[in-house]
Structures are given as C-alpha cells and as structure tokens.
C-alpha cells in the first residue's frame, strides 16, 4: 500500500513482462472501488558497470549481462565534457575505447536496449579511470655498469616501474621505480640472456 501516486516494483526481474493495476482504499483500509485499468511493460534493468581498465589498445569497459537485453549503448564523458556522449552500441558485455589519450580522465556508463533497439532504462552506474599508454622501449644496451634500458616518456605518468625476466622465463620480477626514462640493471649477470 502507498499514500502516494507511484510505486517502484524493486522485485521485478529483468526480461520479464508484467501487467500492473491499482485499487483505491478508504481511510479504514477497505477497498473503495475495483481494479483500475492495467498497463503492461517488460522489465529491463540498467547494466552494472564492473570495471574500466587499461589494455594495450585503450580502456576496456566491462559490465554485467542484463536478462532480455538485445544490446547495450556505451557512453563516455571525456576531459572537459559534462554530458554523456554515446560512443558504442554492442551486443557483448565489454568494449574497448581506442580513442583515448594518455594522462586523460574518462568516465563511462551504459544503457540497456531491447531486441528492437529501443532504450529501456536509465544510465548505469558510472566508472572513472585515467588512461596511461604503454611505454615504448627504445633501446636495451650493455654498458660498464650493467644493462641500460631506455624508453619514451608517457604523457601523464608520474613514474615508471622496471621489470626483468630471463629470456626463457615467464614471470616478471620488479627491479625498481624511477621518474626518468632509463634504468641501469646493475644486477644483470654477464653471459645471461
């Protein structure tokens, strides 16, 4: 029961079709009249964004599947943007934004569409991430002090962590952090690849 003129059916299941009707109640709780006319709707919940992470190609956006969904619209707010901009429509539950710049902040949201391509609910939760491009190694050379590793600067990066592994190995071991764009591996063993 409610004293207002609206109700939220929080128990409705996405992808399920429901009909709704209302009856008026007197002050003592007795029914004042029969059922109203009814209206029918298929429930579609907004997706839940799970993560936005940096990958080689850009920022990977992932969300949970919505029962009954035909596809999803992905929206973005880039640097200086206050309104959502549609950047993709996909049937899957992930999408990679390749049009991002290193050191810039991006916020993402998504909406559910039915099989006919009609938007069926509001925006999902928003997730924000800063994109950092992968460093490009420019040289690896021997020196009297050890192996010298050099790379190009990445816009927005505050520092870099350097890793090493044996050529035939699979696990990377951290060597240390630096704010510069080169590192001398003084612990490398001569004759080892």
C-alpha atoms as a PDB file:
ATOM      1  CA  UNK A   1       0.000   0.000   0.000  1.00  0.00           C
ATOM      2  CA  UNK A   2       1.021   3.612  -0.538  1.00  0.00           C
ATOM      3  CA  UNK A   3      -0.429   7.054   0.145  1.00  0.00           C
ATOM      4  CA  UNK A   4       1.304   8.474  -2.915  1.00  0.00           C
ATOM      5  CA  UNK A   5       0.612   8.167  -6.620  1.00  0.00           C
ATOM      6  CA  UNK A   6       3.533   5.980  -7.656  1.00  0.00           C
ATOM      7  CA  UNK A   7       5.233   2.723  -6.737  1.00  0.00           C
ATOM      8  CA  UNK A   8       8.600   1.169  -7.568  1.00  0.00           C
ATOM      9  CA  UNK A   9       8.484  -2.586  -8.095  1.00  0.00           C
ATOM     10  CA  UNK A  10      12.024  -3.361  -6.946  1.00  0.00           C
ATOM     11  CA  UNK A  11      11.342  -7.089  -7.176  1.00  0.00           C
ATOM     12  CA  UNK A  12      10.649  -7.114 -10.906  1.00  0.00           C
ATOM     13  CA  UNK A  13      13.003  -9.358 -12.891  1.00  0.00           C
ATOM     14  CA  UNK A  14      14.743  -8.070 -15.984  1.00  0.00           C
ATOM     15  CA  UNK A  15      13.481  -9.642 -19.210  1.00  0.00           C
ATOM     16  CA  UNK A  16      10.074 -10.475 -17.665  1.00  0.00           C
ATOM     17  CA  UNK A  17       6.784  -8.969 -18.865  1.00  0.00           C
ATOM     18  CA  UNK A  18       4.406  -7.646 -16.175  1.00  0.00           C
ATOM     19  CA  UNK A  19       0.951  -6.058 -16.007  1.00  0.00           C
ATOM     20  CA  UNK A  20       0.090  -3.534 -13.279  1.00  0.00           C
ATOM     21  CA  UNK A  21      -3.171  -2.257 -11.809  1.00  0.00           C
ATOM     22  CA  UNK A  22      -4.207  -0.135  -8.786  1.00  0.00           C
ATOM     23  CA  UNK A  23      -7.195  -0.070  -6.392  1.00  0.00           C
ATOM     24  CA  UNK A  24      -8.212   2.813  -4.137  1.00  0.00           C
ATOM     25  CA  UNK A  25      -8.546   2.266  -0.376  1.00  0.00           C
ATOM     26  CA  UNK A  26     -10.812   4.076   2.073  1.00  0.00           C
ATOM     27  CA  UNK A  27      -9.401   5.590   5.248  1.00  0.00           C
ATOM     28  CA  UNK A  28     -10.254   2.401   7.167  1.00  0.00           C
ATOM     29  CA  UNK A  29      -8.333   0.288   4.639  1.00  0.00           C
ATOM     30  CA  UNK A  30     -11.354  -1.166   2.881  1.00  0.00           C
ATOM     31  CA  UNK A  31     -11.462  -1.198  -0.914  1.00  0.00           C
ATOM     32  CA  UNK A  32     -13.140   1.885  -2.355  1.00  0.00           C
ATOM     33  CA  UNK A  33     -13.514   0.520  -5.874  1.00  0.00           C
ATOM     34  CA  UNK A  34     -12.477  -2.248  -8.251  1.00  0.00           C
ATOM     35  CA  UNK A  35      -9.179  -2.532 -10.097  1.00  0.00           C
ATOM     36  CA  UNK A  36      -8.104   0.261 -12.402  1.00  0.00           C
ATOM     37  CA  UNK A  37      -7.281  -0.445 -15.993  1.00  0.00           C
ATOM     38  CA  UNK A  38      -3.901  -2.120 -16.388  1.00  0.00           C
ATOM     39  CA  UNK A  39      -0.675  -1.321 -18.154  1.00  0.00           C
ATOM     40  CA  UNK A  40       1.928  -3.808 -19.353  1.00  0.00           C
ATOM     41  CA  UNK A  41       5.684  -3.477 -19.554  1.00  0.00           C
ATOM     42  CA  UNK A  42       8.729  -5.701 -19.979  1.00  0.00           C
ATOM     43  CA  UNK A  43      11.212  -5.002 -17.217  1.00  0.00           C
ATOM     44  CA  UNK A  44      14.740  -4.120 -18.352  1.00  0.00           C
ATOM     45  CA  UNK A  45      17.248  -3.199 -15.658  1.00  0.00           C
ATOM     46  CA  UNK A  46      20.238  -0.964 -16.387  1.00  0.00           C
ATOM     47  CA  UNK A  47      23.544  -2.822 -16.638  1.00  0.00           C
ATOM     48  CA  UNK A  48      26.065  -2.690 -13.788  1.00  0.00           C
ATOM     49  CA  UNK A  49      29.493  -1.485 -14.836  1.00  0.00           C
ATOM     50  CA  UNK A  50      32.161  -3.725 -13.279  1.00  0.00           C
ATOM     51  CA  UNK A  51      35.450  -2.207 -14.367  1.00  0.00           C
ATOM     52  CA  UNK A  52      37.359   0.155 -16.623  1.00  0.00           C
ATOM     53  CA  UNK A  53      40.960  -0.952 -17.081  1.00  0.00           C
ATOM     54  CA  UNK A  54      43.859  -0.007 -19.320  1.00  0.00           C
ATOM     55  CA  UNK A  55      44.803  -2.520 -22.019  1.00  0.00           C
ATOM     56  CA  UNK A  56      47.202  -2.330 -24.952  1.00  0.00           C
ATOM     57  CA  UNK A  57      44.601  -0.784 -27.261  1.00  0.00           C
ATOM     58  CA  UNK A  58      42.964   1.680 -24.818  1.00  0.00           C
ATOM     59  CA  UNK A  59      40.448   1.431 -21.953  1.00  0.00           C
ATOM     60  CA  UNK A  60      38.444  -1.787 -21.596  1.00  0.00           C
ATOM     61  CA  UNK A  61      34.911  -1.255 -20.228  1.00  0.00           C
ATOM     62  CA  UNK A  62      33.076  -4.276 -18.761  1.00  0.00           C
ATOM     63  CA  UNK A  63      29.560  -4.702 -17.356  1.00  0.00           C
ATOM     64  CA  UNK A  64      27.198  -7.446 -16.247  1.00  0.00           C
ATOM     65  CA  UNK A  65      24.697  -9.016 -18.633  1.00  0.00           C
ATOM     66  CA  UNK A  66      21.044  -7.920 -18.367  1.00  0.00           C
ATOM     67  CA  UNK A  67      18.351 -10.564 -18.913  1.00  0.00           C
ATOM     68  CA  UNK A  68      16.379  -9.842 -22.062  1.00  0.00           C
ATOM     69  CA  UNK A  69      18.770  -7.214 -23.391  1.00  0.00           C
ATOM     70  CA  UNK A  70      19.265  -7.030 -27.147  1.00  0.00           C
ATOM     71  CA  UNK A  71      22.301  -4.745 -26.938  1.00  0.00           C
ATOM     72  CA  UNK A  72      23.904  -2.002 -24.892  1.00  0.00           C
ATOM     73  CA  UNK A  73      24.818   1.610 -25.539  1.00  0.00           C
ATOM     74  CA  UNK A  74      28.121   2.762 -24.060  1.00  0.00           C
ATOM     75  CA  UNK A  75      28.503   6.417 -23.066  1.00  0.00           C
ATOM     76  CA  UNK A  76      31.572   8.459 -22.174  1.00  0.00           C
ATOM     77  CA  UNK A  77      32.485  11.777 -20.611  1.00  0.00           C
ATOM     78  CA  UNK A  78      35.943  12.824 -21.727  1.00  0.00           C
ATOM     79  CA  UNK A  79      38.140  15.670 -20.466  1.00  0.00           C
ATOM     80  CA  UNK A  80      36.040  18.830 -20.068  1.00  0.00           C
ATOM     81  CA  UNK A  81      32.785  17.126 -21.106  1.00  0.00           C
ATOM     82  CA  UNK A  82      29.752  17.462 -18.818  1.00  0.00           C
ATOM     83  CA  UNK A  83      27.213  15.459 -20.833  1.00  0.00           C
ATOM     84  CA  UNK A  84      27.217  11.803 -21.834  1.00  0.00           C
ATOM     85  CA  UNK A  85      28.325  11.074 -25.401  1.00  0.00           C
ATOM     86  CA  UNK A  86      27.322   7.765 -26.995  1.00  0.00           C
ATOM     87  CA  UNK A  87      30.481   6.026 -28.198  1.00  0.00           C
ATOM     88  CA  UNK A  88      29.325   2.488 -28.993  1.00  0.00           C
ATOM     89  CA  UNK A  89      26.436   0.034 -29.356  1.00  0.00           C
ATOM     90  CA  UNK A  90      27.412  -3.595 -28.758  1.00  0.00           C
ATOM     91  CA  UNK A  91      25.731  -6.924 -28.085  1.00  0.00           C
ATOM     92  CA  UNK A  92      28.580  -8.126 -25.858  1.00  0.00           C
ATOM     93  CA  UNK A  93      29.267  -7.138 -22.240  1.00  0.00           C
ATOM     94  CA  UNK A  94      32.596  -5.437 -22.895  1.00  0.00           C
ATOM     95  CA  UNK A  95      34.010  -2.820 -25.218  1.00  0.00           C
ATOM     96  CA  UNK A  96      37.423  -1.205 -25.667  1.00  0.00           C
ATOM     97  CA  UNK A  97      37.702   2.543 -26.177  1.00  0.00           C
ATOM     98  CA  UNK A  98      40.647   3.115 -28.507  1.00  0.00           C
ATOM     99  CA  UNK A  99      40.042   6.867 -28.874  1.00  0.00           C
ATOM    100  CA  UNK A 100      41.706   7.837 -25.579  1.00  0.00           C
ATOM    101  CA  UNK A 101      44.761   9.948 -24.768  1.00  0.00           C
ATOM    102  CA  UNK A 102      47.443   9.137 -22.230  1.00  0.00           C
ATOM    103  CA  UNK A 103      47.146  11.022 -18.939  1.00  0.00           C
ATOM    104  CA  UNK A 104      43.482  11.932 -19.531  1.00  0.00           C
ATOM    105  CA  UNK A 105      40.492  11.004 -17.324  1.00  0.00           C
ATOM    106  CA  UNK A 106      37.404   9.277 -18.763  1.00  0.00           C
ATOM    107  CA  UNK A 107      34.073   8.287 -17.210  1.00  0.00           C
ATOM    108  CA  UNK A 108      31.800   5.583 -18.635  1.00  0.00           C
ATOM    109  CA  UNK A 109      28.182   4.469 -18.315  1.00  0.00           C
ATOM    110  CA  UNK A 110      25.863   2.132 -20.249  1.00  0.00           C
ATOM    111  CA  UNK A 111      22.178   1.654 -21.043  1.00  0.00           C
ATOM    112  CA  UNK A 112      20.069  -1.379 -21.935  1.00  0.00           C
ATOM    113  CA  UNK A 113      18.316  -1.730 -25.302  1.00  0.00           C
ATOM    114  CA  UNK A 114      15.717  -4.332 -26.243  1.00  0.00           C
ATOM    115  CA  UNK A 115      15.873  -6.546 -29.342  1.00  0.00           C
ATOM    116  CA  UNK A 116      14.272  -3.754 -31.418  1.00  0.00           C
ATOM    117  CA  UNK A 117      16.997  -1.289 -30.461  1.00  0.00           C
ATOM    118  CA  UNK A 118      14.830   0.791 -28.107  1.00  0.00           C
ATOM    119  CA  UNK A 119      16.450   2.158 -24.949  1.00  0.00           C
ATOM    120  CA  UNK A 120      14.623   0.587 -21.981  1.00  0.00           C
ATOM    121  CA  UNK A 121      16.083   2.133 -18.828  1.00  0.00           C
ATOM    122  CA  UNK A 122      18.229   4.865 -17.368  1.00  0.00           C
ATOM    123  CA  UNK A 123      22.024   5.095 -17.282  1.00  0.00           C
ATOM    124  CA  UNK A 124      24.018   2.542 -15.303  1.00  0.00           C
ATOM    125  CA  UNK A 125      26.436   3.432 -12.534  1.00  0.00           C
ATOM    126  CA  UNK A 126      29.463   5.417 -13.700  1.00  0.00           C
ATOM    127  CA  UNK A 127      33.090   4.282 -13.528  1.00  0.00           C
ATOM    128  CA  UNK A 128      36.057   6.622 -13.961  1.00  0.00           C
ATOM    129  CA  UNK A 129      39.620   5.795 -14.983  1.00  0.00           C
ATOM    130  CA  UNK A 130      42.790   7.570 -16.080  1.00  0.00           C
ATOM    131  CA  UNK A 131      44.393   6.138 -19.196  1.00  0.00           C
ATOM    132  CA  UNK A 132      48.160   5.689 -19.386  1.00  0.00           C
ATOM    133  CA  UNK A 133      49.685   4.464 -22.625  1.00  0.00           C
ATOM    134  CA  UNK A 134      52.231   1.661 -22.566  1.00  0.00           C
ATOM    135  CA  UNK A 135      55.838   2.855 -22.660  1.00  0.00           C
ATOM    136  CA  UNK A 136      57.713   2.131 -25.875  1.00  0.00           C
ATOM    137  CA  UNK A 137      61.143   0.609 -25.263  1.00  0.00           C
ATOM    138  CA  UNK A 138      63.665   2.396 -27.466  1.00  0.00           C
ATOM    139  CA  UNK A 139      66.879   0.531 -26.623  1.00  0.00           C
ATOM    140  CA  UNK A 140      68.488  -2.113 -24.444  1.00  0.00           C
ATOM    141  CA  UNK A 141      72.302  -1.980 -24.430  1.00  0.00           C
ATOM    142  CA  UNK A 142      75.289  -3.245 -22.483  1.00  0.00           C
ATOM    143  CA  UNK A 143      77.458  -0.836 -20.540  1.00  0.00           C
ATOM    144  CA  UNK A 144      80.282  -0.991 -18.000  1.00  0.00           C
ATOM    145  CA  UNK A 145      77.715  -0.575 -15.196  1.00  0.00           C
ATOM    146  CA  UNK A 146      75.195  -3.117 -16.476  1.00  0.00           C
ATOM    147  CA  UNK A 147      72.322  -3.284 -18.960  1.00  0.00           C
ATOM    148  CA  UNK A 148      70.876   0.130 -19.855  1.00  0.00           C
ATOM    149  CA  UNK A 149      67.147   0.169 -20.668  1.00  0.00           C
ATOM    150  CA  UNK A 150      65.605   3.260 -22.274  1.00  0.00           C
ATOM    151  CA  UNK A 151      62.002   4.123 -23.193  1.00  0.00           C
ATOM    152  CA  UNK A 152      59.846   7.005 -24.419  1.00  0.00           C
ATOM    153  CA  UNK A 153      58.042   9.185 -21.875  1.00  0.00           C
ATOM    154  CA  UNK A 154      54.328   8.510 -21.339  1.00  0.00           C
ATOM    155  CA  UNK A 155      52.053  11.557 -21.037  1.00  0.00           C
ATOM    156  CA  UNK A 156      50.672  11.857 -17.519  1.00  0.00           C
ATOM    157  CA  UNK A 157      52.918   9.217 -15.951  1.00  0.00           C
ATOM    158  CA  UNK A 158      54.440  10.209 -12.606  1.00  0.00           C
ATOM    159  CA  UNK A 159      56.980   7.384 -12.568  1.00  0.00           C
ATOM    160  CA  UNK A 160      57.767   4.005 -14.075  1.00  0.00           C
ATOM    161  CA  UNK A 161      58.388   0.519 -12.673  1.00  0.00           C
ATOM    162  CA  UNK A 162      61.030  -1.569 -14.426  1.00  0.00           C
ATOM    163  CA  UNK A 163      60.743  -5.361 -14.655  1.00  0.00           C
ATOM    164  CA  UNK A 164      63.091  -8.140 -15.751  1.00  0.00           C
ATOM    165  CA  UNK A 165      62.819 -11.833 -16.563  1.00  0.00           C
ATOM    166  CA  UNK A 166      65.064 -14.450 -18.091  1.00  0.00           C
ATOM    167  CA  UNK A 167      64.551 -14.813 -21.843  1.00  0.00           C
ATOM    168  CA  UNK A 168      63.124 -18.310 -21.304  1.00  0.00           C
ATOM    169  CA  UNK A 169      61.208 -17.291 -18.182  1.00  0.00           C
ATOM    170  CA  UNK A 170      57.529 -16.454 -17.716  1.00  0.00           C
ATOM    171  CA  UNK A 171      57.455 -14.379 -14.517  1.00  0.00           C
ATOM    172  CA  UNK A 172      58.422 -10.709 -14.389  1.00  0.00           C
ATOM    173  CA  UNK A 173      60.417  -9.510 -11.355  1.00  0.00           C
ATOM    174  CA  UNK A 174      60.313  -5.810 -10.370  1.00  0.00           C
ATOM    175  CA  UNK A 175      63.697  -4.063 -10.321  1.00  0.00           C
ATOM    176  CA  UNK A 176      62.583  -0.673  -9.021  1.00  0.00           C
ATOM    177  CA  UNK A 177      60.836   2.614  -9.749  1.00  0.00           C
ATOM    178  CA  UNK A 178      62.176   5.716 -11.482  1.00  0.00           C
ATOM    179  CA  UNK A 179      60.846   9.093 -12.569  1.00  0.00           C
ATOM    180  CA  UNK A 180      63.190   9.135 -15.542  1.00  0.00           C
ATOM    181  CA  UNK A 181      63.085   7.268 -18.850  1.00  0.00           C
ATOM    182  CA  UNK A 182      66.040   4.953 -18.390  1.00  0.00           C
ATOM    183  CA  UNK A 183      67.304   2.322 -15.955  1.00  0.00           C
ATOM    184  CA  UNK A 184      70.635   0.594 -15.394  1.00  0.00           C
ATOM    185  CA  UNK A 185      70.286  -3.058 -14.375  1.00  0.00           C
ATOM    186  CA  UNK A 186      73.475  -3.373 -12.356  1.00  0.00           C
ATOM    187  CA  UNK A 187      72.447  -6.837 -11.160  1.00  0.00           C
ATOM    188  CA  UNK A 188      72.342  -8.456 -14.595  1.00  0.00           C
ATOM    189  CA  UNK A 189      74.777 -11.380 -14.915  1.00  0.00           C
ATOM    190  CA  UNK A 190      77.291 -11.425 -17.765  1.00  0.00           C
ATOM    191  CA  UNK A 191      76.542 -14.017 -20.416  1.00  0.00           C
ATOM    192  CA  UNK A 192      72.887 -14.362 -19.388  1.00  0.00           C
ATOM    193  CA  UNK A 193      70.045 -13.607 -21.810  1.00  0.00           C
END
